[in-house]
Amino acid sequence: MKVEFDTNEYLVDIKKSGSYYHTFINKDNLAAGILKLKPDEVDTQTPHESDEIYYIVRGDGFLRISEKDYPVSVAKAYFVGKNIEHKFHGNKKELVVLYFFGGPDS
């Protein structure tokens, strides 16, 4: 079982893949991943079937949760309940975020 994860490798993989996120743990009770949005890149995610935590590694912008915008900045964390609409937007710098699901990435 893998216990160590190098998120820098996943950021390189994201750049090569054309996607903006990579889930590196996907278990029944926990999922974790990293996302990277270029300035003004569109976040296309839809609501998830599990509660979620976002941790801002670097960047700026906003996280819209249920029609309310929250400014994001380094070292802040945000909780989004399951089945709640949410999206990152308005970043002027590259945005890098770790995410954690209380269940599988769906």
PDB file of N, CA and C in Angstrom:
ATOM      1  N   MET A   1       0.838  -1.172   0.000  1.00  0.00           N
ATOM      2  CA  MET A   1       0.000   0.000   0.000  1.00  0.00           C
ATOM      3  C   MET A   1       0.889   1.244   0.000  1.00  0.00           C
ATOM      4  N   LYS A   2       0.599   2.164  -0.883  1.00  0.00           N
ATOM      5  CA  LYS A   2       1.378   3.391  -0.987  1.00  0.00           C
ATOM      6  C   LYS A   2       1.034   4.317   0.177  1.00  0.00           C
ATOM      7  N   VAL A   3       2.068   4.893   0.817  1.00  0.00           N
ATOM      8  CA  VAL A   3       1.841   5.782   1.952  1.00  0.00           C
ATOM      9  C   VAL A   3       2.431   7.181   1.745  1.00  0.00           C
ATOM     10  N   GLU A   4       3.255   7.351   0.718  1.00  0.00           N
ATOM     11  CA  GLU A   4       3.891   8.645   0.465  1.00  0.00           C
ATOM     12  C   GLU A   4       3.511   9.135  -0.932  1.00  0.00           C
ATOM     13  N   PHE A   5       3.169  10.408  -1.031  1.00  0.00           N
ATOM     14  CA  PHE A   5       2.696  10.969  -2.294  1.00  0.00           C
ATOM     15  C   PHE A   5       3.418  12.283  -2.563  1.00  0.00           C
ATOM     16  N   ASP A   6       4.003  12.412  -3.742  1.00  0.00           N
ATOM     17  CA  ASP A   6       4.713  13.634  -4.132  1.00  0.00           C
ATOM     18  C   ASP A   6       3.790  14.476  -5.006  1.00  0.00           C
ATOM     19  N   THR A   7       3.171  15.478  -4.414  1.00  0.00           N
ATOM     20  CA  THR A   7       2.197  16.282  -5.165  1.00  0.00           C
ATOM     21  C   THR A   7       2.860  17.063  -6.307  1.00  0.00           C
ATOM     22  N   ASN A   8       4.164  17.332  -6.205  1.00  0.00           N
ATOM     23  CA  ASN A   8       4.847  18.003  -7.321  1.00  0.00           C
ATOM     24  C   ASN A   8       4.807  17.149  -8.586  1.00  0.00           C
ATOM     25  N   GLU A   9       4.934  15.834  -8.428  1.00  0.00           N
ATOM     26  CA  GLU A   9       4.829  14.933  -9.588  1.00  0.00           C
ATOM     27  C   GLU A   9       3.450  15.039 -10.232  1.00  0.00           C
ATOM     28  N   TYR A  10       2.420  15.116  -9.394  1.00  0.00           N
ATOM     29  CA  TYR A  10       1.058  15.189  -9.916  1.00  0.00           C
ATOM     30  C   TYR A  10       0.810  16.506 -10.640  1.00  0.00           C
ATOM     31  N   LEU A  11       1.450  17.580 -10.192  1.00  0.00           N
ATOM     32  CA  LEU A  11       1.316  18.863 -10.898  1.00  0.00           C
ATOM     33  C   LEU A  11       1.918  18.773 -12.297  1.00  0.00           C
ATOM     34  N   VAL A  12       3.032  18.051 -12.436  1.00  0.00           N
ATOM     35  CA  VAL A  12       3.627  17.821 -13.753  1.00  0.00           C
ATOM     36  C   VAL A  12       2.690  16.969 -14.607  1.00  0.00           C
ATOM     37  N   ASP A  13       2.117  15.927 -14.010  1.00  0.00           N
ATOM     38  CA  ASP A  13       1.174  15.065 -14.730  1.00  0.00           C
ATOM     39  C   ASP A  13      -0.051  15.853 -15.211  1.00  0.00           C
ATOM     40  N   ILE A  14      -0.541  16.764 -14.361  1.00  0.00           N
ATOM     41  CA  ILE A  14      -1.691  17.593 -14.733  1.00  0.00           C
ATOM     42  C   ILE A  14      -1.363  18.403 -15.979  1.00  0.00           C
ATOM     43  N   LYS A  15      -0.187  19.005 -15.982  1.00  0.00           N
ATOM     44  CA  LYS A  15       0.232  19.825 -17.129  1.00  0.00           C
ATOM     45  C   LYS A  15       0.257  19.007 -18.418  1.00  0.00           C
ATOM     46  N   LYS A  16       0.726  17.775 -18.338  1.00  0.00           N
ATOM     47  CA  LYS A  16       0.816  16.899 -19.508  1.00  0.00           C
ATOM     48  C   LYS A  16      -0.551  16.365 -19.947  1.00  0.00           C
ATOM     49  N   SER A  17      -1.462  16.190 -19.000  1.00  0.00           N
ATOM     50  CA  SER A  17      -2.726  15.506 -19.284  1.00  0.00           C
ATOM     51  C   SER A  17      -3.790  16.382 -19.927  1.00  0.00           C
ATOM     52  N   GLY A  18      -3.672  17.680 -19.747  1.00  0.00           N
ATOM     53  CA  GLY A  18      -4.728  18.560 -20.244  1.00  0.00           C
ATOM     54  C   GLY A  18      -5.870  18.720 -19.265  1.00  0.00           C
ATOM     55  N   SER A  19      -5.834  17.994 -18.159  1.00  0.00           N
ATOM     56  CA  SER A  19      -6.826  18.138 -17.100  1.00  0.00           C
ATOM     57  C   SER A  19      -6.327  19.205 -16.129  1.00  0.00           C
ATOM     58  N   TYR A  20      -7.130  19.581 -15.165  1.00  0.00           N
ATOM     59  CA  TYR A  20      -6.661  20.545 -14.167  1.00  0.00           C
ATOM     60  C   TYR A  20      -6.644  19.951 -12.759  1.00  0.00           C
ATOM     61  N   TYR A  21      -6.876  18.633 -12.648  1.00  0.00           N
ATOM     62  CA  TYR A  21      -6.832  17.996 -11.327  1.00  0.00           C
ATOM     63  C   TYR A  21      -6.363  16.558 -11.448  1.00  0.00           C
ATOM     64  N   HIS A  22      -5.926  16.014 -10.304  1.00  0.00           N
ATOM     65  CA  HIS A  22      -5.501  14.620 -10.248  1.00  0.00           C
ATOM     66  C   HIS A  22      -5.843  14.066  -8.867  1.00  0.00           C
ATOM     67  N   THR A  23      -6.659  13.034  -8.816  1.00  0.00           N
ATOM     68  CA  THR A  23      -6.984  12.354  -7.570  1.00  0.00           C
ATOM     69  C   THR A  23      -5.952  11.262  -7.351  1.00  0.00           C
ATOM     70  N   PHE A  24      -5.181  11.354  -6.254  1.00  0.00           N
ATOM     71  CA  PHE A  24      -4.117  10.372  -6.025  1.00  0.00           C
ATOM     72  C   PHE A  24      -4.462   9.337  -4.965  1.00  0.00           C
ATOM     73  N   ILE A  25      -5.533   9.559  -4.210  1.00  0.00           N
ATOM     74  CA  ILE A  25      -6.071   8.534  -3.321  1.00  0.00           C
ATOM     75  C   ILE A  25      -7.565   8.467  -3.617  1.00  0.00           C
ATOM     76  N   ASN A  26      -8.082   7.263  -3.842  1.00  0.00           N
ATOM     77  CA  ASN A  26      -9.517   7.122  -4.106  1.00  0.00           C
ATOM     78  C   ASN A  26     -10.001   5.809  -3.480  1.00  0.00           C
ATOM     79  N   LYS A  27     -10.369   5.889  -2.211  1.00  0.00           N
ATOM     80  CA  LYS A  27     -10.827   4.744  -1.439  1.00  0.00           C
ATOM     81  C   LYS A  27     -12.304   4.912  -1.095  1.00  0.00           C
ATOM     82  N   ASP A  28     -12.922   3.890  -0.538  1.00  0.00           N
ATOM     83  CA  ASP A  28     -14.336   3.969  -0.160  1.00  0.00           C
ATOM     84  C   ASP A  28     -14.628   5.092   0.830  1.00  0.00           C
ATOM     85  N   ASN A  29     -13.713   5.325   1.775  1.00  0.00           N
ATOM     86  CA  ASN A  29     -13.962   6.296   2.840  1.00  0.00           C
ATOM     87  C   ASN A  29     -13.142   7.575   2.735  1.00  0.00           C
ATOM     88  N   LEU A  30     -12.279   7.687   1.736  1.00  0.00           N
ATOM     89  CA  LEU A  30     -11.420   8.863   1.614  1.00  0.00           C
ATOM     90  C   LEU A  30     -10.890   8.993   0.193  1.00  0.00           C
ATOM     91  N   ALA A  31     -10.894  10.212  -0.292  1.00  0.00           N
ATOM     92  CA  ALA A  31     -10.219  10.515  -1.553  1.00  0.00           C
ATOM     93  C   ALA A  31      -9.425  11.793  -1.335  1.00  0.00           C
ATOM     94  N   ALA A  32      -8.294  11.911  -2.027  1.00  0.00           N
ATOM     95  CA  ALA A  32      -7.462  13.107  -1.947  1.00  0.00           C
ATOM     96  C   ALA A  32      -6.868  13.380  -3.314  1.00  0.00           C
ATOM     97  N   GLY A  33      -6.672  14.650  -3.588  1.00  0.00           N
ATOM     98  CA  GLY A  33      -6.089  15.013  -4.862  1.00  0.00           C
ATOM     99  C   GLY A  33      -5.601  16.446  -4.853  1.00  0.00           C
ATOM    100  N   ILE A  34      -5.137  16.869  -6.012  1.00  0.00           N
ATOM    101  CA  ILE A  34      -4.614  18.214  -6.176  1.00  0.00           C
ATOM    102  C   ILE A  34      -5.182  18.791  -7.460  1.00  0.00           C
ATOM    103  N   LEU A  35      -5.494  20.068  -7.420  1.00  0.00           N
ATOM    104  CA  LEU A  35      -5.941  20.731  -8.644  1.00  0.00           C
ATOM    105  C   LEU A  35      -5.099  21.965  -8.879  1.00  0.00           C
ATOM    106  N   LYS A  36      -4.961  22.327 -10.145  1.00  0.00           N
ATOM    107  CA  LYS A  36      -4.187  23.499 -10.546  1.00  0.00           C
ATOM    108  C   LYS A  36      -4.966  24.223 -11.623  1.00  0.00           C
ATOM    109  N   LEU A  37      -5.313  25.466 -11.350  1.00  0.00           N
ATOM    110  CA  LEU A  37      -6.008  26.294 -12.330  1.00  0.00           C
ATOM    111  C   LEU A  37      -5.103  27.440 -12.745  1.00  0.00           C
ATOM    112  N   LYS A  38      -4.906  27.581 -14.049  1.00  0.00           N
ATOM    113  CA  LYS A  38      -4.178  28.735 -14.569  1.00  0.00           C
ATOM    114  C   LYS A  38      -5.050  29.976 -14.383  1.00  0.00           C
ATOM    115  N   PRO A  39      -4.449  31.165 -14.445  1.00  0.00           N
ATOM    116  CA  PRO A  39      -5.255  32.375 -14.312  1.00  0.00           C
ATOM    117  C   PRO A  39      -6.456  32.359 -15.257  1.00  0.00           C
ATOM    118  N   ASP A  40      -7.619  32.584 -14.691  1.00  0.00           N
ATOM    119  CA  ASP A  40      -8.888  32.654 -15.407  1.00  0.00           C
ATOM    120  C   ASP A  40      -9.310  31.355 -16.104  1.00  0.00           C
ATOM    121  N   GLU A  41      -8.647  30.230 -15.808  1.00  0.00           N
ATOM    122  CA  GLU A  41      -9.090  28.931 -16.326  1.00  0.00           C
ATOM    123  C   GLU A  41     -10.420  28.567 -15.671  1.00  0.00           C
ATOM    124  N   VAL A  42     -11.291  27.916 -16.407  1.00  0.00           N
ATOM    125  CA  VAL A  42     -12.634  27.594 -15.919  1.00  0.00           C
ATOM    126  C   VAL A  42     -12.622  26.287 -15.123  1.00  0.00           C
ATOM    127  N   ASP A  43     -13.178  26.339 -13.936  1.00  0.00           N
ATOM    128  CA  ASP A  43     -13.365  25.172 -13.081  1.00  0.00           C
ATOM    129  C   ASP A  43     -14.698  24.539 -13.472  1.00  0.00           C
ATOM    130  N   THR A  44     -14.655  23.328 -14.002  1.00  0.00           N
ATOM    131  CA  THR A  44     -15.857  22.678 -14.543  1.00  0.00           C
ATOM    132  C   THR A  44     -16.474  21.646 -13.603  1.00  0.00           C
ATOM    133  N   GLN A  45     -16.017  21.593 -12.357  1.00  0.00           N
ATOM    134  CA  GLN A  45     -16.528  20.548 -11.465  1.00  0.00           C
ATOM    135  C   GLN A  45     -18.009  20.722 -11.168  1.00  0.00           C
ATOM    136  N   THR A  46     -18.610  19.606 -10.845  1.00  0.00           N
ATOM    137  CA  THR A  46     -20.013  19.565 -10.456  1.00  0.00           C
ATOM    138  C   THR A  46     -20.084  19.085  -9.008  1.00  0.00           C
ATOM    139  N   PRO A  47     -21.227  19.230  -8.333  1.00  0.00           N
ATOM    140  CA  PRO A  47     -21.312  18.793  -6.936  1.00  0.00           C
ATOM    141  C   PRO A  47     -20.918  17.327  -6.765  1.00  0.00           C
ATOM    142  N   HIS A  48     -20.336  17.049  -5.612  1.00  0.00           N
ATOM    143  CA  HIS A  48     -19.847  15.710  -5.310  1.00  0.00           C
ATOM    144  C   HIS A  48     -20.795  15.004  -4.345  1.00  0.00           C
ATOM    145  N   GLU A  49     -20.694  13.702  -4.307  1.00  0.00           N
ATOM    146  CA  GLU A  49     -21.548  12.894  -3.438  1.00  0.00           C
ATOM    147  C   GLU A  49     -20.974  12.714  -2.040  1.00  0.00           C
ATOM    148  N   SER A  50     -19.883  13.396  -1.742  1.00  0.00           N
ATOM    149  CA  SER A  50     -19.247  13.341  -0.414  1.00  0.00           C
ATOM    150  C   SER A  50     -18.902  14.753   0.034  1.00  0.00           C
ATOM    151  N   ASP A  51     -18.823  14.950   1.348  1.00  0.00           N
ATOM    152  CA  ASP A  51     -18.306  16.202   1.870  1.00  0.00           C
ATOM    153  C   ASP A  51     -16.859  16.375   1.411  1.00  0.00           C
ATOM    154  N   GLU A  52     -16.423  17.642   1.349  1.00  0.00           N
ATOM    155  CA  GLU A  52     -15.097  17.914   0.810  1.00  0.00           C
ATOM    156  C   GLU A  52     -14.423  19.045   1.575  1.00  0.00           C
ATOM    157  N   ILE A  53     -13.102  18.935   1.704  1.00  0.00           N
ATOM    158  CA  ILE A  53     -12.264  19.995   2.259  1.00  0.00           C
ATOM    159  C   ILE A  53     -11.278  20.423   1.177  1.00  0.00           C
ATOM    160  N   TYR A  54     -11.117  21.732   1.023  1.00  0.00           N
ATOM    161  CA  TYR A  54     -10.098  22.293   0.135  1.00  0.00           C
ATOM    162  C   TYR A  54      -9.062  23.004   0.992  1.00  0.00           C
ATOM    163  N   TYR A  55      -7.780  22.807   0.663  1.00  0.00           N
ATOM    164  CA  TYR A  55      -6.685  23.518   1.329  1.00  0.00           C
ATOM    165  C   TYR A  55      -5.880  24.244   0.262  1.00  0.00           C
ATOM    166  N   ILE A  56      -5.737  25.563   0.402  1.00  0.00           N
ATOM    167  CA  ILE A  56      -5.065  26.382  -0.613  1.00  0.00           C
ATOM    168  C   ILE A  56      -3.554  26.318  -0.395  1.00  0.00           C
ATOM    169  N   VAL A  57      -2.853  25.790  -1.395  1.00  0.00           N
ATOM    170  CA  VAL A  57      -1.395  25.680  -1.358  1.00  0.00           C
ATOM    171  C   VAL A  57      -0.767  26.976  -1.857  1.00  0.00           C
ATOM    172  N   ARG A  58      -1.281  27.493  -2.985  1.00  0.00           N
ATOM    173  CA  ARG A  58      -0.806  28.781  -3.507  1.00  0.00           C
ATOM    174  C   ARG A  58      -1.851  29.348  -4.461  1.00  0.00           C
ATOM    175  N   GLY A  59      -1.778  30.653  -4.640  1.00  0.00           N
ATOM    176  CA  GLY A  59      -2.663  31.304  -5.585  1.00  0.00           C
ATOM    177  C   GLY A  59      -3.656  32.238  -4.922  1.00  0.00           C
ATOM    178  N   ASP A  60      -4.607  32.670  -5.719  1.00  0.00           N
ATOM    179  CA  ASP A  60      -5.626  33.609  -5.269  1.00  0.00           C
ATOM    180  C   ASP A  60      -6.927  33.309  -5.984  1.00  0.00           C
ATOM    181  N   GLY A  61      -7.898  34.157  -5.817  1.00  0.00           N
ATOM    182  CA  GLY A  61      -9.179  33.992  -6.487  1.00  0.00           C
ATOM    183  C   GLY A  61     -10.305  33.839  -5.493  1.00  0.00           C
ATOM    184  N   PHE A  62     -11.339  33.116  -5.923  1.00  0.00           N
ATOM    185  CA  PHE A  62     -12.536  32.944  -5.113  1.00  0.00           C
ATOM    186  C   PHE A  62     -13.036  31.511  -5.223  1.00  0.00           C
ATOM    187  N   LEU A  63     -13.711  31.069  -4.173  1.00  0.00           N
ATOM    188  CA  LEU A  63     -14.439  29.814  -4.194  1.00  0.00           C
ATOM    189  C   LEU A  63     -15.907  30.172  -4.003  1.00  0.00           C
ATOM    190  N   ARG A  64     -16.715  29.912  -5.026  1.00  0.00           N
ATOM    191  CA  ARG A  64     -18.151  30.164  -4.931  1.00  0.00           C
ATOM    192  C   ARG A  64     -18.812  28.912  -4.378  1.00  0.00           C
ATOM    193  N   ILE A  65     -19.492  29.066  -3.251  1.00  0.00           N
ATOM    194  CA  ILE A  65     -20.237  27.972  -2.622  1.00  0.00           C
ATOM    195  C   ILE A  65     -21.675  28.442  -2.490  1.00  0.00           C
ATOM    196  N   SER A  66     -22.579  27.764  -3.156  1.00  0.00           N
ATOM    197  CA  SER A  66     -24.006  28.109  -3.090  1.00  0.00           C
ATOM    198  C   SER A  66     -24.246  29.602  -3.317  1.00  0.00           C
ATOM    199  N   GLU A  67     -23.726  30.115  -4.419  1.00  0.00           N
ATOM    200  CA  GLU A  67     -23.965  31.508  -4.832  1.00  0.00           C
ATOM    201  C   GLU A  67     -23.258  32.558  -3.978  1.00  0.00           C
ATOM    202  N   LYS A  68     -22.394  32.157  -3.025  1.00  0.00           N
ATOM    203  CA  LYS A  68     -21.628  33.123  -2.240  1.00  0.00           C
ATOM    204  C   LYS A  68     -20.147  32.930  -2.540  1.00  0.00           C
ATOM    205  N   ASP A  69     -19.443  34.049  -2.789  1.00  0.00           N
ATOM    206  CA  ASP A  69     -18.005  34.003  -3.069  1.00  0.00           C
ATOM    207  C   ASP A  69     -17.188  34.170  -1.797  1.00  0.00           C
ATOM    208  N   TYR A  70     -16.187  33.291  -1.644  1.00  0.00           N
ATOM    209  CA  TYR A  70     -15.246  33.367  -0.537  1.00  0.00           C
ATOM    210  C   TYR A  70     -13.862  33.612  -1.130  1.00  0.00           C
ATOM    211  N   PRO A  71     -13.159  34.685  -0.706  1.00  0.00           N
ATOM    212  CA  PRO A  71     -11.800  34.898  -1.213  1.00  0.00           C
ATOM    213  C   PRO A  71     -10.889  33.764  -0.747  1.00  0.00           C
ATOM    214  N   VAL A  72     -10.054  33.258  -1.637  1.00  0.00           N
ATOM    215  CA  VAL A  72      -9.110  32.207  -1.254  1.00  0.00           C
ATOM    216  C   VAL A  72      -7.710  32.791  -1.153  1.00  0.00           C
ATOM    217  N   SER A  73      -6.949  32.276  -0.218  1.00  0.00           N
ATOM    218  CA  SER A  73      -5.554  32.670  -0.065  1.00  0.00           C
ATOM    219  C   SER A  73      -4.789  31.520   0.578  1.00  0.00           C
ATOM    220  N   VAL A  74      -3.476  31.599   0.492  1.00  0.00           N
ATOM    221  CA  VAL A  74      -2.584  30.540   0.949  1.00  0.00           C
ATOM    222  C   VAL A  74      -2.860  30.181   2.410  1.00  0.00           C
ATOM    223  N   ALA A  75      -2.894  28.886   2.660  1.00  0.00           N
ATOM    224  CA  ALA A  75      -3.030  28.280   3.984  1.00  0.00           C
ATOM    225  C   ALA A  75      -4.452  28.347   4.550  1.00  0.00           C
ATOM    226  N   LYS A  76      -5.421  28.766   3.752  1.00  0.00           N
ATOM    227  CA  LYS A  76      -6.813  28.710   4.203  1.00  0.00           C
ATOM    228  C   LYS A  76      -7.423  27.383   3.772  1.00  0.00           C
ATOM    229  N   ALA A  77      -8.418  26.937   4.539  1.00  0.00           N
ATOM    230  CA  ALA A  77      -9.137  25.705   4.223  1.00  0.00           C
ATOM    231  C   ALA A  77     -10.625  26.018   4.159  1.00  0.00           C
ATOM    232  N   TYR A  78     -11.349  25.255   3.335  1.00  0.00           N
ATOM    233  CA  TYR A  78     -12.772  25.480   3.105  1.00  0.00           C
ATOM    234  C   TYR A  78     -13.502  24.151   3.125  1.00  0.00           C
ATOM    235  N   PHE A  79     -14.671  24.130   3.723  1.00  0.00           N
ATOM    236  CA  PHE A  79     -15.522  22.948   3.757  1.00  0.00           C
ATOM    237  C   PHE A  79     -16.679  23.142   2.784  1.00  0.00           C
ATOM    238  N   VAL A  80     -16.944  22.121   1.959  1.00  0.00           N
ATOM    239  CA  VAL A  80     -18.095  22.121   1.060  1.00  0.00           C
ATOM    240  C   VAL A  80     -18.863  20.826   1.315  1.00  0.00           C
ATOM    241  N   GLY A  81     -20.113  20.959   1.696  1.00  0.00           N
ATOM    242  CA  GLY A  81     -20.945  19.791   1.948  1.00  0.00           C
ATOM    243  C   GLY A  81     -21.284  19.046   0.663  1.00  0.00           C
ATOM    244  N   LYS A  82     -21.641  17.783   0.814  1.00  0.00           N
ATOM    245  CA  LYS A  82     -21.984  16.978  -0.359  1.00  0.00           C
ATOM    246  C   LYS A  82     -23.168  17.599  -1.107  1.00  0.00           C
ATOM    247  N   ASN A  83     -23.148  17.423  -2.422  1.00  0.00           N
ATOM    248  CA  ASN A  83     -24.206  17.874  -3.329  1.00  0.00           C
ATOM    249  C   ASN A  83     -24.417  19.387  -3.343  1.00  0.00           C
ATOM    250  N   ILE A  84     -23.423  20.159  -2.921  1.00  0.00           N
ATOM    251  CA  ILE A  84     -23.498  21.623  -2.930  1.00  0.00           C
ATOM    252  C   ILE A  84     -22.724  22.144  -4.145  1.00  0.00           C
ATOM    253  N   GLU A  85     -23.353  23.047  -4.913  1.00  0.00           N
ATOM    254  CA  GLU A  85     -22.678  23.684  -6.055  1.00  0.00           C
ATOM    255  C   GLU A  85     -21.491  24.507  -5.553  1.00  0.00           C
ATOM    256  N   HIS A  86     -20.343  24.363  -6.237  1.00  0.00           N
ATOM    257  CA  HIS A  86     -19.160  25.144  -5.881  1.00  0.00           C
ATOM    258  C   HIS A  86     -18.180  25.152  -7.044  1.00  0.00           C
ATOM    259  N   LYS A  87     -17.429  26.252  -7.155  1.00  0.00           N
ATOM    260  CA  LYS A  87     -16.431  26.401  -8.212  1.00  0.00           C
ATOM    261  C   LYS A  87     -15.400  27.436  -7.795  1.00  0.00           C
ATOM    262  N   PHE A  88     -14.154  27.217  -8.211  1.00  0.00           N
ATOM    263  CA  PHE A  88     -13.129  28.238  -8.082  1.00  0.00           C
ATOM    264  C   PHE A  88     -13.222  29.156  -9.292  1.00  0.00           C
ATOM    265  N   HIS A  89     -12.919  30.435  -9.088  1.00  0.00           N
ATOM    266  CA  HIS A  89     -12.940  31.371 -10.219  1.00  0.00           C
ATOM    267  C   HIS A  89     -12.170  32.637  -9.851  1.00  0.00           C
ATOM    268  N   GLY A  90     -11.879  33.419 -10.863  1.00  0.00           N
ATOM    269  CA  GLY A  90     -11.295  34.739 -10.676  1.00  0.00           C
ATOM    270  C   GLY A  90      -9.854  34.777 -10.234  1.00  0.00           C
ATOM    271  N   ASN A  91      -9.122  33.676 -10.399  1.00  0.00           N
ATOM    272  CA  ASN A  91      -7.724  33.701  -9.981  1.00  0.00           C
ATOM    273  C   ASN A  91      -6.862  34.421 -11.012  1.00  0.00           C
ATOM    274  N   LYS A  92      -6.011  35.305 -10.512  1.00  0.00           N
ATOM    275  CA  LYS A  92      -5.077  36.056 -11.361  1.00  0.00           C
ATOM    276  C   LYS A  92      -3.686  35.429 -11.330  1.00  0.00           C
ATOM    277  N   LYS A  93      -3.468  34.515 -10.378  1.00  0.00           N
ATOM    278  CA  LYS A  93      -2.234  33.747 -10.267  1.00  0.00           C
ATOM    279  C   LYS A  93      -2.613  32.278 -10.392  1.00  0.00           C
ATOM    280  N   GLU A  94      -1.613  31.436 -10.664  1.00  0.00           N
ATOM    281  CA  GLU A  94      -1.885  30.002 -10.680  1.00  0.00           C
ATOM    282  C   GLU A  94      -2.405  29.579  -9.304  1.00  0.00           C
ATOM    283  N   LEU A  95      -3.493  28.824  -9.301  1.00  0.00           N
ATOM    284  CA  LEU A  95      -4.128  28.354  -8.070  1.00  0.00           C
ATOM    285  C   LEU A  95      -3.844  26.867  -7.908  1.00  0.00           C
ATOM    286  N   VAL A  96      -3.280  26.489  -6.764  1.00  0.00           N
ATOM    287  CA  VAL A  96      -3.004  25.088  -6.462  1.00  0.00           C
ATOM    288  C   VAL A  96      -3.711  24.753  -5.153  1.00  0.00           C
ATOM    289  N   VAL A  97      -4.524  23.688  -5.185  1.00  0.00           N
ATOM    290  CA  VAL A  97      -5.388  23.336  -4.070  1.00  0.00           C
ATOM    291  C   VAL A  97      -5.325  21.831  -3.821  1.00  0.00           C
ATOM    292  N   LEU A  98      -5.154  21.445  -2.562  1.00  0.00           N
ATOM    293  CA  LEU A  98      -5.331  20.042  -2.170  1.00  0.00           C
ATOM    294  C   LEU A  98      -6.795  19.844  -1.805  1.00  0.00           C
ATOM    295  N   TYR A  99      -7.358  18.709  -2.206  1.00  0.00           N
ATOM    296  CA  TYR A  99      -8.741  18.420  -1.834  1.00  0.00           C
ATOM    297  C   TYR A  99      -8.843  17.042  -1.212  1.00  0.00           C
ATOM    298  N   PHE A 100      -9.816  16.930  -0.297  1.00  0.00           N
ATOM    299  CA  PHE A 100     -10.036  15.707   0.444  1.00  0.00           C
ATOM    300  C   PHE A 100     -11.540  15.445   0.490  1.00  0.00           C
ATOM    301  N   PHE A 101     -11.955  14.248   0.115  1.00  0.00           N
ATOM    302  CA  PHE A 101     -13.360  13.830   0.161  1.00  0.00           C
ATOM    303  C   PHE A 101     -13.571  12.877   1.324  1.00  0.00           C
ATOM    304  N   GLY A 102     -14.730  12.966   1.962  1.00  0.00           N
ATOM    305  CA  GLY A 102     -15.114  12.011   2.998  1.00  0.00           C
ATOM    306  C   GLY A 102     -15.755  10.784   2.376  1.00  0.00           C
ATOM    307  N   GLY A 103     -15.194  10.292   1.310  1.00  0.00           N
ATOM    308  CA  GLY A 103     -15.688   9.149   0.554  1.00  0.00           C
ATOM    309  C   GLY A 103     -14.949   9.117  -0.763  1.00  0.00           C
ATOM    310  N   PRO A 104     -15.351   8.286  -1.703  1.00  0.00           N
ATOM    311  CA  PRO A 104     -14.662   8.218  -2.985  1.00  0.00           C
ATOM    312  C   PRO A 104     -14.899   9.473  -3.813  1.00  0.00           C
ATOM    313  N   ASP A 105     -13.952   9.746  -4.720  1.00  0.00           N
ATOM    314  CA  ASP A 105     -14.108  10.849  -5.677  1.00  0.00           C
ATOM    315  C   ASP A 105     -15.135  10.399  -6.706  1.00  0.00           C
ATOM    316  N   SER A 106     -16.271  11.063  -6.702  1.00  0.00           N
ATOM    317  CA  SER A 106     -17.356  10.635  -7.602  1.00  0.00           C
ATOM    318  C   SER A 106     -17.630  11.659  -8.671  1.00  0.00           C
TER     319      SER A 106
END
